[in-house]
Amino acid sequence: MGRHRIWIPESISPVTESIVDLPPIRLSGRYTVDLIEAKTGKVKQHLEFPNLITDAGLNFIGSGTKLDDLYTTFAVGTGTTPPAVTDTALESSIATTTNDEGATDLDTTQSSPREYSSRKRTRVFLETEANGDLTELGWVYGGLAVNRSLFKDVAGNVTTVYKTNNDILKVVYEYKIFAPQGDVSGTFDLGAGSGSTSYIIRPQNVNNALGWGALRTSMGDYSTPFAKVHETMALGSRTGDNDPSPSDEESSNTFTTYVTGSFYRDMEYVWTYPDANFSTGISLITWNPWYASGDRAIWQMFLSSSVEKTNLNKFTIKFRQSWDRV
């Protein structure tokens, strides 16, 4: 592969003139419900159905709440209005619980036919709890419904769960995080007459518990993001960990204030004068906006022309990360 370098005059700081849009991260969820006769353990009713993630749930991710924290308090009710993305509560909630009866979360990764990471979480209402003709369910956080659904049978028809003080209601919720499919390519202007470079963006570590798998817990936590620039001109695979040396972590990072209803955050990474001064320039960027200690990068950005940086200038790049329901 031919290698080109973009020279940046000493008085100019290379900086992307516009924000580089990243493909949206997709989220979904699904319920498995069992109404169990307490004395015998017999399953009286078994249901499986998807849920609807509300706008409030998506907004929490933007405002700094970890995805995992959203699924702490579970609620059931007797409302019958079909769920809408604008719902902020169950229509008629009658009981909530954080009881898991000792069940532990189950984490999985799926590589085919579409890559995702998931977590299953259990909540249980015992005999004396949540008795009635139950028609709706959902998770609530900060007084708002993160998601909401009506109970449905295996055919997708709305149904009622008739719970009495002889029954236990067990609900298992699985939430999924889908890595975007395919590569994204484009060109950005380095500004101030410094030229432009084309790029290819690709997810990485898609099946790694410390990569995309870590988003099950950390997505929404903007407290410790990280990014690296690398001298090596190499685009890695989706499943690998592309972290070639030499590299240098960002000098500083900034996130714009979240705007309710936008479902994205803009981020800026800066390498100042003493950092990332590689002999052949910057050719690769890797990063994770929701990094926690020990995690790995979830994105990689290959530059077709390396960007020359010295101790007389700095390098700045801006990304826009969005998310949405499947």
C-alpha atoms as a PDB file:
ATOM      1  CA  MET A   1       0.000   0.000   0.000  1.00  0.00           C
ATOM      2  CA  GLY A   2       1.397   3.427  -0.959  1.00  0.00           C
ATOM      3  CA  ARG A   3       1.855   5.719   1.989  1.00  0.00           C
ATOM      4  CA  HIS A   4       1.089   9.445   1.840  1.00  0.00           C
ATOM      5  CA  ARG A   5       1.703  12.027   4.539  1.00  0.00           C
ATOM      6  CA  ILE A   6      -0.072  15.313   5.134  1.00  0.00           C
ATOM      7  CA  TRP A   7       2.317  17.980   6.367  1.00  0.00           C
ATOM      8  CA  ILE A   8       0.882  20.474   8.840  1.00  0.00           C
ATOM      9  CA  PRO A   9       2.646  23.856   8.988  1.00  0.00           C
ATOM     10  CA  GLU A  10       4.140  24.510  12.418  1.00  0.00           C
ATOM     11  CA  SER A  11       1.790  27.399  13.104  1.00  0.00           C
ATOM     12  CA  ILE A  12      -1.314  25.316  12.369  1.00  0.00           C
ATOM     13  CA  SER A  13      -3.024  22.725  14.562  1.00  0.00           C
ATOM     14  CA  PRO A  14      -4.603  19.880  12.568  1.00  0.00           C
ATOM     15  CA  VAL A  15      -8.278  19.629  13.517  1.00  0.00           C
ATOM     16  CA  THR A  16     -11.341  18.111  11.903  1.00  0.00           C
ATOM     17  CA  GLU A  17     -13.500  20.906  10.567  1.00  0.00           C
ATOM     18  CA  SER A  18     -16.682  18.875  11.006  1.00  0.00           C
ATOM     19  CA  ILE A  19     -17.873  16.125  13.312  1.00  0.00           C
ATOM     20  CA  VAL A  20     -17.279  12.566  12.154  1.00  0.00           C
ATOM     21  CA  ASP A  21     -20.598  10.715  12.430  1.00  0.00           C
ATOM     22  CA  LEU A  22     -20.388   7.183  13.802  1.00  0.00           C
ATOM     23  CA  PRO A  23     -23.046   4.589  12.954  1.00  0.00           C
ATOM     24  CA  PRO A  24     -25.693   4.258  15.696  1.00  0.00           C
ATOM     25  CA  ILE A  25     -25.492   1.554  18.336  1.00  0.00           C
ATOM     26  CA  ARG A  26     -28.783  -0.366  18.431  1.00  0.00           C
ATOM     27  CA  LEU A  27     -30.493  -1.590  21.593  1.00  0.00           C
ATOM     28  CA  SER A  28     -33.301  -4.060  22.177  1.00  0.00           C
ATOM     29  CA  GLY A  29     -34.886  -6.099  24.953  1.00  0.00           C
ATOM     30  CA  ARG A  30     -37.032  -9.179  25.451  1.00  0.00           C
ATOM     31  CA  TYR A  31     -39.060 -10.619  28.341  1.00  0.00           C
ATOM     32  CA  THR A  32     -39.539 -14.225  29.426  1.00  0.00           C
ATOM     33  CA  VAL A  33     -42.345 -14.523  32.001  1.00  0.00           C
ATOM     34  CA  ASP A  34     -43.364 -17.537  34.097  1.00  0.00           C
ATOM     35  CA  LEU A  35     -46.328 -17.656  36.456  1.00  0.00           C
ATOM     36  CA  ILE A  36     -45.451 -20.470  38.870  1.00  0.00           C
ATOM     37  CA  GLU A  37     -47.598 -22.314  41.393  1.00  0.00           C
ATOM     38  CA  ALA A  38     -45.680 -21.769  44.623  1.00  0.00           C
ATOM     39  CA  LYS A  39     -46.409 -25.142  46.257  1.00  0.00           C
ATOM     40  CA  THR A  40     -45.623 -27.410  43.336  1.00  0.00           C
ATOM     41  CA  GLY A  41     -43.299 -25.310  41.160  1.00  0.00           C
ATOM     42  CA  LYS A  42     -45.556 -25.953  38.184  1.00  0.00           C
ATOM     43  CA  VAL A  43     -45.437 -23.317  35.453  1.00  0.00           C
ATOM     44  CA  LYS A  44     -49.025 -22.208  34.962  1.00  0.00           C
ATOM     45  CA  GLN A  45     -48.315 -19.633  32.257  1.00  0.00           C
ATOM     46  CA  HIS A  46     -45.273 -19.021  30.061  1.00  0.00           C
ATOM     47  CA  LEU A  47     -44.838 -15.891  27.923  1.00  0.00           C
ATOM     48  CA  GLU A  48     -42.078 -14.502  25.700  1.00  0.00           C
ATOM     49  CA  PHE A  49     -42.212 -11.155  23.907  1.00  0.00           C
ATOM     50  CA  PRO A  50     -40.115  -8.073  23.015  1.00  0.00           C
ATOM     51  CA  ASN A  51     -40.389  -4.776  24.848  1.00  0.00           C
ATOM     52  CA  LEU A  52     -40.415  -1.142  23.758  1.00  0.00           C
ATOM     53  CA  ILE A  53     -37.527   1.046  24.932  1.00  0.00           C
ATOM     54  CA  THR A  54     -38.884   4.504  25.707  1.00  0.00           C
ATOM     55  CA  ASP A  55     -37.368   7.849  24.805  1.00  0.00           C
ATOM     56  CA  ALA A  56     -36.763   8.331  28.528  1.00  0.00           C
ATOM     57  CA  GLY A  57     -34.633   5.178  28.533  1.00  0.00           C
ATOM     58  CA  LEU A  58     -32.548   6.429  25.609  1.00  0.00           C
ATOM     59  CA  ASN A  59     -32.199   9.853  27.232  1.00  0.00           C
ATOM     60  CA  PHE A  60     -30.733   8.336  30.389  1.00  0.00           C
ATOM     61  CA  ILE A  61     -27.850   6.937  28.313  1.00  0.00           C
ATOM     62  CA  GLY A  62     -27.119  10.424  27.004  1.00  0.00           C
ATOM     63  CA  SER A  63     -27.320  12.124  30.380  1.00  0.00           C
ATOM     64  CA  GLY A  64     -24.755   9.852  32.038  1.00  0.00           C
ATOM     65  CA  THR A  65     -26.600   6.854  33.529  1.00  0.00           C
ATOM     66  CA  LYS A  66     -25.043   3.434  33.051  1.00  0.00           C
ATOM     67  CA  LEU A  67     -27.152   1.065  30.991  1.00  0.00           C
ATOM     68  CA  ASP A  68     -26.907  -1.610  33.683  1.00  0.00           C
ATOM     69  CA  ASP A  69     -28.267   0.755  36.351  1.00  0.00           C
ATOM     70  CA  LEU A  70     -31.442   1.340  34.351  1.00  0.00           C
ATOM     71  CA  TYR A  71     -32.481  -2.256  34.926  1.00  0.00           C
ATOM     72  CA  THR A  72     -32.671  -2.277  38.713  1.00  0.00           C
ATOM     73  CA  THR A  73     -36.314  -1.672  39.644  1.00  0.00           C
ATOM     74  CA  PHE A  74     -38.972  -3.706  37.885  1.00  0.00           C
ATOM     75  CA  ALA A  75     -42.700  -2.862  37.874  1.00  0.00           C
ATOM     76  CA  VAL A  76     -46.008  -4.460  36.906  1.00  0.00           C
ATOM     77  CA  GLY A  77     -49.424  -2.886  36.509  1.00  0.00           C
ATOM     78  CA  THR A  78     -52.931  -3.109  35.156  1.00  0.00           C
ATOM     79  CA  GLY A  79     -52.838  -0.583  32.309  1.00  0.00           C
ATOM     80  CA  THR A  80     -54.019  -1.643  28.863  1.00  0.00           C
ATOM     81  CA  THR A  81     -52.987   1.227  26.585  1.00  0.00           C
ATOM     82  CA  PRO A  82     -50.457   0.066  23.972  1.00  0.00           C
ATOM     83  CA  PRO A  83     -46.920   1.232  24.802  1.00  0.00           C
ATOM     84  CA  ALA A  84     -45.476   4.301  23.085  1.00  0.00           C
ATOM     85  CA  VAL A  85     -41.925   5.669  22.946  1.00  0.00           C
ATOM     86  CA  THR A  86     -43.202   8.787  24.738  1.00  0.00           C
ATOM     87  CA  ASP A  87     -44.405   6.830  27.803  1.00  0.00           C
ATOM     88  CA  THR A  88     -42.826   8.048  31.026  1.00  0.00           C
ATOM     89  CA  ALA A  89     -44.508   5.576  33.407  1.00  0.00           C
ATOM     90  CA  LEU A  90     -46.608   2.452  33.483  1.00  0.00           C
ATOM     91  CA  GLU A  91     -50.226   3.387  32.971  1.00  0.00           C
ATOM     92  CA  SER A  92     -51.343   1.886  36.299  1.00  0.00           C
ATOM     93  CA  SER A  93     -48.429   0.480  38.288  1.00  0.00           C
ATOM     94  CA  ILE A  94     -49.375  -1.664  41.309  1.00  0.00           C
ATOM     95  CA  ALA A  95     -46.040  -3.085  42.496  1.00  0.00           C
ATOM     96  CA  THR A  96     -42.264  -2.815  42.063  1.00  0.00           C
ATOM     97  CA  THR A  97     -39.392  -5.068  43.069  1.00  0.00           C
ATOM     98  CA  THR A  98     -35.610  -5.374  43.034  1.00  0.00           C
ATOM     99  CA  ASN A  99     -35.743  -8.994  44.250  1.00  0.00           C
ATOM    100  CA  ASP A 100     -33.816 -11.507  42.145  1.00  0.00           C
ATOM    101  CA  GLU A 101     -34.183 -14.456  44.561  1.00  0.00           C
ATOM    102  CA  GLY A 102     -30.475 -15.146  44.264  1.00  0.00           C
ATOM    103  CA  ALA A 103     -30.410 -15.368  40.475  1.00  0.00           C
ATOM    104  CA  THR A 104     -27.228 -14.008  38.894  1.00  0.00           C
ATOM    105  CA  ASP A 105     -26.987 -12.085  35.637  1.00  0.00           C
ATOM    106  CA  LEU A 106     -26.174 -14.157  32.570  1.00  0.00           C
ATOM    107  CA  ASP A 107     -23.952 -12.495  29.953  1.00  0.00           C
ATOM    108  CA  THR A 108     -23.569 -13.784  26.407  1.00  0.00           C
ATOM    109  CA  THR A 109     -22.101 -12.694  23.086  1.00  0.00           C
ATOM    110  CA  GLN A 110     -23.461 -13.648  19.680  1.00  0.00           C
ATOM    111  CA  SER A 111     -21.315 -13.639  16.558  1.00  0.00           C
ATOM    112  CA  SER A 112     -23.817 -14.866  13.959  1.00  0.00           C
ATOM    113  CA  PRO A 113     -25.978 -13.962  12.116  1.00  0.00           C
ATOM    114  CA  ARG A 114     -25.689 -10.537  13.763  1.00  0.00           C
ATOM    115  CA  GLU A 115     -23.195  -9.617  16.455  1.00  0.00           C
ATOM    116  CA  TYR A 116     -24.490  -8.519  19.820  1.00  0.00           C
ATOM    117  CA  SER A 117     -23.744  -8.626  23.536  1.00  0.00           C
ATOM    118  CA  SER A 118     -26.547  -9.330  25.981  1.00  0.00           C
ATOM    119  CA  ARG A 119     -27.366  -9.598  29.665  1.00  0.00           C
ATOM    120  CA  LYS A 120     -30.241 -11.529  31.251  1.00  0.00           C
ATOM    121  CA  ARG A 121     -31.565 -10.220  34.577  1.00  0.00           C
ATOM    122  CA  THR A 122     -34.189 -11.824  36.825  1.00  0.00           C
ATOM    123  CA  ARG A 123     -36.869 -10.263  39.017  1.00  0.00           C
ATOM    124  CA  VAL A 124     -39.345 -12.172  41.190  1.00  0.00           C
ATOM    125  CA  PHE A 125     -42.642 -11.312  42.887  1.00  0.00           C
ATOM    126  CA  LEU A 126     -43.414 -13.742  45.734  1.00  0.00           C
ATOM    127  CA  GLU A 127     -46.828 -15.010  46.838  1.00  0.00           C
ATOM    128  CA  THR A 128     -47.957 -11.906  48.714  1.00  0.00           C
ATOM    129  CA  GLU A 129     -46.713  -9.447  46.101  1.00  0.00           C
ATOM    130  CA  ALA A 130     -48.233  -7.943  42.939  1.00  0.00           C
ATOM    131  CA  ASN A 131     -51.444  -9.926  43.087  1.00  0.00           C
ATOM    132  CA  GLY A 132     -54.137  -9.009  40.583  1.00  0.00           C
ATOM    133  CA  ASP A 133     -54.970  -9.092  36.891  1.00  0.00           C
ATOM    134  CA  LEU A 134     -51.637  -7.974  35.466  1.00  0.00           C
ATOM    135  CA  THR A 135     -51.492  -6.515  31.971  1.00  0.00           C
ATOM    136  CA  GLU A 136     -48.353  -4.336  31.747  1.00  0.00           C
ATOM    137  CA  LEU A 137     -44.729  -4.406  32.863  1.00  0.00           C
ATOM    138  CA  GLY A 138     -41.516  -2.420  32.583  1.00  0.00           C
ATOM    139  CA  TRP A 139     -38.355  -1.139  34.226  1.00  0.00           C
ATOM    140  CA  VAL A 140     -38.327   2.209  35.995  1.00  0.00           C
ATOM    141  CA  TYR A 141     -35.441   4.486  36.933  1.00  0.00           C
ATOM    142  CA  GLY A 142     -35.510   7.903  38.532  1.00  0.00           C
ATOM    143  CA  GLY A 143     -39.304   7.831  38.491  1.00  0.00           C
ATOM    144  CA  LEU A 144     -39.462   7.254  34.720  1.00  0.00           C
ATOM    145  CA  ALA A 145     -40.239   4.169  32.631  1.00  0.00           C
ATOM    146  CA  VAL A 146     -37.119   2.953  30.844  1.00  0.00           C
ATOM    147  CA  ASN A 147     -39.239   0.569  28.821  1.00  0.00           C
ATOM    148  CA  ARG A 148     -42.848  -0.611  28.821  1.00  0.00           C
ATOM    149  CA  SER A 149     -44.814  -3.491  27.347  1.00  0.00           C
ATOM    150  CA  LEU A 150     -48.117  -5.270  27.618  1.00  0.00           C
ATOM    151  CA  PHE A 151     -48.017  -8.961  28.499  1.00  0.00           C
ATOM    152  CA  LYS A 152     -48.246 -11.041  25.313  1.00  0.00           C
ATOM    153  CA  ASP A 153     -48.547 -14.732  24.525  1.00  0.00           C
ATOM    154  CA  VAL A 154     -46.201 -16.629  22.226  1.00  0.00           C
ATOM    155  CA  ALA A 155     -48.340 -15.640  19.232  1.00  0.00           C
ATOM    156  CA  GLY A 156     -47.911 -11.955  20.057  1.00  0.00           C
ATOM    157  CA  ASN A 157     -51.438 -11.422  21.327  1.00  0.00           C
ATOM    158  CA  VAL A 158     -52.052  -9.207  24.357  1.00  0.00           C
ATOM    159  CA  THR A 159     -52.935 -11.296  27.391  1.00  0.00           C
ATOM    160  CA  THR A 160     -53.477 -11.060  31.158  1.00  0.00           C
ATOM    161  CA  VAL A 161     -51.504 -12.709  33.952  1.00  0.00           C
ATOM    162  CA  TYR A 162     -53.856 -13.625  36.804  1.00  0.00           C
ATOM    163  CA  LYS A 163     -51.575 -13.718  39.841  1.00  0.00           C
ATOM    164  CA  THR A 164     -52.860 -14.810  43.255  1.00  0.00           C
ATOM    165  CA  ASN A 165     -51.262 -15.408  46.651  1.00  0.00           C
ATOM    166  CA  ASN A 166     -50.647 -18.986  45.541  1.00  0.00           C
ATOM    167  CA  ASP A 167     -48.310 -17.871  42.759  1.00  0.00           C
ATOM    168  CA  ILE A 168     -44.801 -16.626  42.128  1.00  0.00           C
ATOM    169  CA  LEU A 169     -44.162 -14.382  39.139  1.00  0.00           C
ATOM    170  CA  LYS A 170     -40.678 -14.778  37.631  1.00  0.00           C
ATOM    171  CA  VAL A 171     -39.537 -12.370  34.926  1.00  0.00           C
ATOM    172  CA  VAL A 172     -36.260 -12.642  33.020  1.00  0.00           C
ATOM    173  CA  TYR A 173     -35.313  -9.627  30.928  1.00  0.00           C
ATOM    174  CA  GLU A 174     -32.609  -9.798  28.264  1.00  0.00           C
ATOM    175  CA  TYR A 175     -31.194  -6.558  26.908  1.00  0.00           C
ATOM    176  CA  LYS A 176     -28.990  -6.567  23.820  1.00  0.00           C
ATOM    177  CA  ILE A 177     -26.392  -4.212  22.355  1.00  0.00           C
ATOM    178  CA  PHE A 178     -25.801  -4.579  18.615  1.00  0.00           C
ATOM    179  CA  ALA A 179     -22.501  -3.573  17.023  1.00  0.00           C
ATOM    180  CA  PRO A 180     -23.063  -1.712  13.730  1.00  0.00           C
ATOM    181  CA  GLN A 181     -22.668  -3.793  10.597  1.00  0.00           C
ATOM    182  CA  GLY A 182     -20.137  -2.968   7.901  1.00  0.00           C
ATOM    183  CA  ASP A 183     -17.552  -0.223   7.573  1.00  0.00           C
ATOM    184  CA  VAL A 184     -18.130   3.514   7.326  1.00  0.00           C
ATOM    185  CA  SER A 185     -15.959   5.607   5.020  1.00  0.00           C
ATOM    186  CA  GLY A 186     -15.648   9.301   4.389  1.00  0.00           C
ATOM    187  CA  THR A 187     -13.325  12.281   4.171  1.00  0.00           C
ATOM    188  CA  PHE A 188     -12.636  15.073   6.623  1.00  0.00           C
ATOM    189  CA  ASP A 189     -10.925  18.412   6.188  1.00  0.00           C
ATOM    190  CA  LEU A 190      -7.999  19.098   8.511  1.00  0.00           C
ATOM    191  CA  GLY A 191      -8.670  22.818   8.345  1.00  0.00           C
ATOM    192  CA  ALA A 192      -6.670  25.973   7.717  1.00  0.00           C
ATOM    193  CA  GLY A 193      -5.541  24.829   4.279  1.00  0.00           C
ATOM    194  CA  SER A 194      -3.927  21.686   5.670  1.00  0.00           C
ATOM    195  CA  GLY A 195      -5.649  19.344   3.237  1.00  0.00           C
ATOM    196  CA  SER A 196      -7.947  16.422   3.889  1.00  0.00           C
ATOM    197  CA  THR A 197      -7.776  12.693   4.398  1.00  0.00           C
ATOM    198  CA  SER A 198     -10.174   9.840   3.763  1.00  0.00           C
ATOM    199  CA  TYR A 199     -10.936   7.289   6.450  1.00  0.00           C
ATOM    200  CA  ILE A 200     -12.512   3.922   7.180  1.00  0.00           C
ATOM    201  CA  ILE A 201     -14.250   3.344  10.532  1.00  0.00           C
ATOM    202  CA  ARG A 202     -14.881  -0.195  11.800  1.00  0.00           C
ATOM    203  CA  PRO A 203     -15.982  -1.654  15.146  1.00  0.00           C
ATOM    204  CA  GLN A 204     -13.463  -3.879  16.910  1.00  0.00           C
ATOM    205  CA  ASN A 205     -13.558  -6.292  19.854  1.00  0.00           C
ATOM    206  CA  VAL A 206     -17.189  -7.019  18.962  1.00  0.00           C
ATOM    207  CA  ASN A 207     -17.174 -10.449  20.647  1.00  0.00           C
ATOM    208  CA  ASN A 208     -14.888  -9.501  23.525  1.00  0.00           C
ATOM    209  CA  ALA A 209     -16.220  -9.154  27.074  1.00  0.00           C
ATOM    210  CA  LEU A 210     -13.824  -6.220  27.558  1.00  0.00           C
ATOM    211  CA  GLY A 211     -14.854  -4.616  24.265  1.00  0.00           C
ATOM    212  CA  TRP A 212     -18.467  -4.369  23.138  1.00  0.00           C
ATOM    213  CA  GLY A 213     -19.409  -6.796  25.896  1.00  0.00           C
ATOM    214  CA  ALA A 214     -18.365  -4.245  28.513  1.00  0.00           C
ATOM    215  CA  LEU A 215     -21.054  -1.853  27.244  1.00  0.00           C
ATOM    216  CA  ARG A 216     -23.592  -4.034  29.059  1.00  0.00           C
ATOM    217  CA  THR A 217     -22.383  -2.235  32.177  1.00  0.00           C
ATOM    218  CA  SER A 218     -20.519   0.903  31.124  1.00  0.00           C
ATOM    219  CA  MET A 219     -22.588   2.339  28.247  1.00  0.00           C
ATOM    220  CA  GLY A 220     -23.787   5.751  29.399  1.00  0.00           C
ATOM    221  CA  ASP A 221     -20.838   6.403  31.741  1.00  0.00           C
ATOM    222  CA  TYR A 222     -18.764   9.235  30.279  1.00  0.00           C
ATOM    223  CA  SER A 223     -16.440   9.650  33.254  1.00  0.00           C
ATOM    224  CA  THR A 224     -13.340   7.886  31.882  1.00  0.00           C
ATOM    225  CA  PRO A 225     -13.357   7.796  28.051  1.00  0.00           C
ATOM    226  CA  PHE A 226     -10.135   7.123  26.212  1.00  0.00           C
ATOM    227  CA  ALA A 227      -8.657   7.352  22.731  1.00  0.00           C
ATOM    228  CA  LYS A 228      -5.313   6.512  21.200  1.00  0.00           C
ATOM    229  CA  VAL A 229      -3.520   7.521  18.033  1.00  0.00           C
ATOM    230  CA  HIS A 230      -1.135   5.074  16.391  1.00  0.00           C
ATOM    231  CA  GLU A 231       1.680   5.342  13.894  1.00  0.00           C
ATOM    232  CA  THR A 232       0.992   1.960  12.288  1.00  0.00           C
ATOM    233  CA  MET A 233      -1.089   2.045   9.106  1.00  0.00           C
ATOM    234  CA  ALA A 234      -3.319  -0.998   9.701  1.00  0.00           C
ATOM    235  CA  LEU A 235      -7.065  -1.623   9.839  1.00  0.00           C
ATOM    236  CA  GLY A 236      -7.860  -4.570  12.084  1.00  0.00           C
ATOM    237  CA  SER A 237     -10.698  -7.084  12.059  1.00  0.00           C
ATOM    238  CA  ARG A 238     -14.047  -6.655  13.821  1.00  0.00           C
ATOM    239  CA  THR A 239     -13.243  -9.370  16.341  1.00  0.00           C
ATOM    240  CA  GLY A 240      -9.609  -8.509  17.006  1.00  0.00           C
ATOM    241  CA  ASP A 241      -8.025  -5.934  19.297  1.00  0.00           C
ATOM    242  CA  ASN A 242      -6.220  -3.497  17.002  1.00  0.00           C
ATOM    243  CA  ASP A 243      -3.761  -1.753  19.334  1.00  0.00           C
ATOM    244  CA  PRO A 244      -0.405  -1.437  17.516  1.00  0.00           C
ATOM    245  CA  SER A 245       2.637   0.354  18.911  1.00  0.00           C
ATOM    246  CA  PRO A 246       3.778   3.045  19.025  1.00  0.00           C
ATOM    247  CA  SER A 247       0.666   4.771  20.316  1.00  0.00           C
ATOM    248  CA  ASP A 248      -0.283   7.653  22.567  1.00  0.00           C
ATOM    249  CA  GLU A 249      -3.433   8.316  24.592  1.00  0.00           C
ATOM    250  CA  GLU A 250      -5.270  11.599  24.253  1.00  0.00           C
ATOM    251  CA  SER A 251      -4.088  14.613  26.214  1.00  0.00           C
ATOM    252  CA  SER A 252      -7.672  15.679  26.960  1.00  0.00           C
ATOM    253  CA  ASN A 253     -11.253  14.861  26.053  1.00  0.00           C
ATOM    254  CA  THR A 254     -14.521  16.771  26.133  1.00  0.00           C
ATOM    255  CA  PHE A 255     -18.165  15.762  25.727  1.00  0.00           C
ATOM    256  CA  THR A 256     -20.806  18.278  24.780  1.00  0.00           C
ATOM    257  CA  THR A 257     -23.831  18.642  27.069  1.00  0.00           C
ATOM    258  CA  TYR A 258     -26.526  16.138  26.178  1.00  0.00           C
ATOM    259  CA  VAL A 259     -29.647  17.537  24.514  1.00  0.00           C
ATOM    260  CA  THR A 260     -32.791  15.652  25.564  1.00  0.00           C
ATOM    261  CA  GLY A 261     -34.323  13.750  22.673  1.00  0.00           C
ATOM    262  CA  SER A 262     -31.235  13.871  20.453  1.00  0.00           C
ATOM    263  CA  PHE A 263     -29.915  10.377  21.329  1.00  0.00           C
ATOM    264  CA  TYR A 264     -26.294  11.292  20.599  1.00  0.00           C
ATOM    265  CA  ARG A 265     -23.273  12.859  22.285  1.00  0.00           C
ATOM    266  CA  ASP A 266     -20.445  14.737  20.579  1.00  0.00           C
ATOM    267  CA  MET A 267     -16.930  14.048  21.818  1.00  0.00           C
ATOM    268  CA  GLU A 268     -13.633  15.761  21.154  1.00  0.00           C
ATOM    269  CA  TYR A 269     -10.200  14.223  21.677  1.00  0.00           C
ATOM    270  CA  VAL A 270      -7.041  16.355  21.700  1.00  0.00           C
ATOM    271  CA  TRP A 271      -3.339  15.456  21.524  1.00  0.00           C
ATOM    272  CA  THR A 272      -1.304  18.505  22.536  1.00  0.00           C
ATOM    273  CA  TYR A 273       2.199  19.598  21.596  1.00  0.00           C
ATOM    274  CA  PRO A 274       4.358  17.000  23.415  1.00  0.00           C
ATOM    275  CA  ASP A 275       2.141  14.007  22.548  1.00  0.00           C
ATOM    276  CA  ALA A 276       1.831  11.643  19.542  1.00  0.00           C
ATOM    277  CA  ASN A 277       4.833  12.983  17.639  1.00  0.00           C
ATOM    278  CA  PHE A 278       5.512   9.867  15.600  1.00  0.00           C
ATOM    279  CA  SER A 279       8.257   9.803  12.988  1.00  0.00           C
ATOM    280  CA  THR A 280       5.863   8.886  10.145  1.00  0.00           C
ATOM    281  CA  GLY A 281       2.724  10.584  11.477  1.00  0.00           C
ATOM    282  CA  ILE A 282      -0.695   9.482  12.777  1.00  0.00           C
ATOM    283  CA  SER A 283      -2.349   6.714  10.727  1.00  0.00           C
ATOM    284  CA  LEU A 284      -4.851   5.059  13.071  1.00  0.00           C
ATOM    285  CA  ILE A 285      -7.195   6.152  15.865  1.00  0.00           C
ATOM    286  CA  THR A 286      -8.839   3.791  18.370  1.00  0.00           C
ATOM    287  CA  TRP A 287     -11.259   4.768  21.123  1.00  0.00           C
ATOM    288  CA  ASN A 288     -14.022   3.891  23.565  1.00  0.00           C
ATOM    289  CA  PRO A 289     -16.357   6.670  24.797  1.00  0.00           C
ATOM    290  CA  TRP A 290     -17.575   4.554  27.752  1.00  0.00           C
ATOM    291  CA  TYR A 291     -14.259   3.105  28.861  1.00  0.00           C
ATOM    292  CA  ALA A 292     -13.785   1.605  32.318  1.00  0.00           C
ATOM    293  CA  SER A 293     -10.507   0.317  33.728  1.00  0.00           C
ATOM    294  CA  GLY A 294      -9.371  -2.775  31.844  1.00  0.00           C
ATOM    295  CA  ASP A 295     -11.722  -2.296  28.887  1.00  0.00           C
ATOM    296  CA  ARG A 296     -10.619  -2.194  25.258  1.00  0.00           C
ATOM    297  CA  ALA A 297     -11.344   0.082  22.327  1.00  0.00           C
ATOM    298  CA  ILE A 298     -14.628  -0.521  20.510  1.00  0.00           C
ATOM    299  CA  TRP A 299     -13.849   1.614  17.430  1.00  0.00           C
ATOM    300  CA  GLN A 300     -10.949   1.953  14.996  1.00  0.00           C
ATOM    301  CA  MET A 301     -10.427   4.630  12.358  1.00  0.00           C
ATOM    302  CA  PHE A 302      -7.910   4.052   9.573  1.00  0.00           C
ATOM    303  CA  LEU A 303      -6.529   7.143   7.818  1.00  0.00           C
ATOM    304  CA  SER A 304      -5.551   6.774   4.157  1.00  0.00           C
ATOM    305  CA  SER A 305      -2.931   9.514   4.542  1.00  0.00           C
ATOM    306  CA  SER A 306      -0.956   9.837   7.736  1.00  0.00           C
ATOM    307  CA  VAL A 307      -1.160  13.173   9.514  1.00  0.00           C
ATOM    308  CA  GLU A 308       2.197  14.671  10.433  1.00  0.00           C
ATOM    309  CA  LYS A 309       2.327  16.052  13.969  1.00  0.00           C
ATOM    310  CA  THR A 310       5.262  17.628  15.793  1.00  0.00           C
ATOM    311  CA  ASN A 311       5.820  19.229  19.167  1.00  0.00           C
ATOM    312  CA  LEU A 312       4.861  22.542  17.562  1.00  0.00           C
ATOM    313  CA  ASN A 313       1.245  21.647  16.872  1.00  0.00           C
ATOM    314  CA  LYS A 314      -1.646  19.606  18.249  1.00  0.00           C
ATOM    315  CA  PHE A 315      -4.165  17.171  16.770  1.00  0.00           C
ATOM    316  CA  THR A 316      -7.918  17.343  17.450  1.00  0.00           C
ATOM    317  CA  ILE A 317     -10.713  15.091  16.220  1.00  0.00           C
ATOM    318  CA  LYS A 318     -14.456  15.161  16.924  1.00  0.00           C
ATOM    319  CA  PHE A 319     -16.889  12.254  16.822  1.00  0.00           C
ATOM    320  CA  ARG A 320     -20.668  12.022  17.155  1.00  0.00           C
ATOM    321  CA  GLN A 321     -21.881   8.798  18.800  1.00  0.00           C
ATOM    322  CA  SER A 322     -25.574   7.989  18.515  1.00  0.00           C
ATOM    323  CA  TRP A 323     -27.763   5.143  19.783  1.00  0.00           C
ATOM    324  CA  ASP A 324     -31.317   3.985  19.099  1.00  0.00           C
ATOM    325  CA  ARG A 325     -33.755   1.140  19.574  1.00  0.00           C
ATOM    326  CA  VAL A 326     -33.771  -1.743  17.080  1.00  0.00           C
END
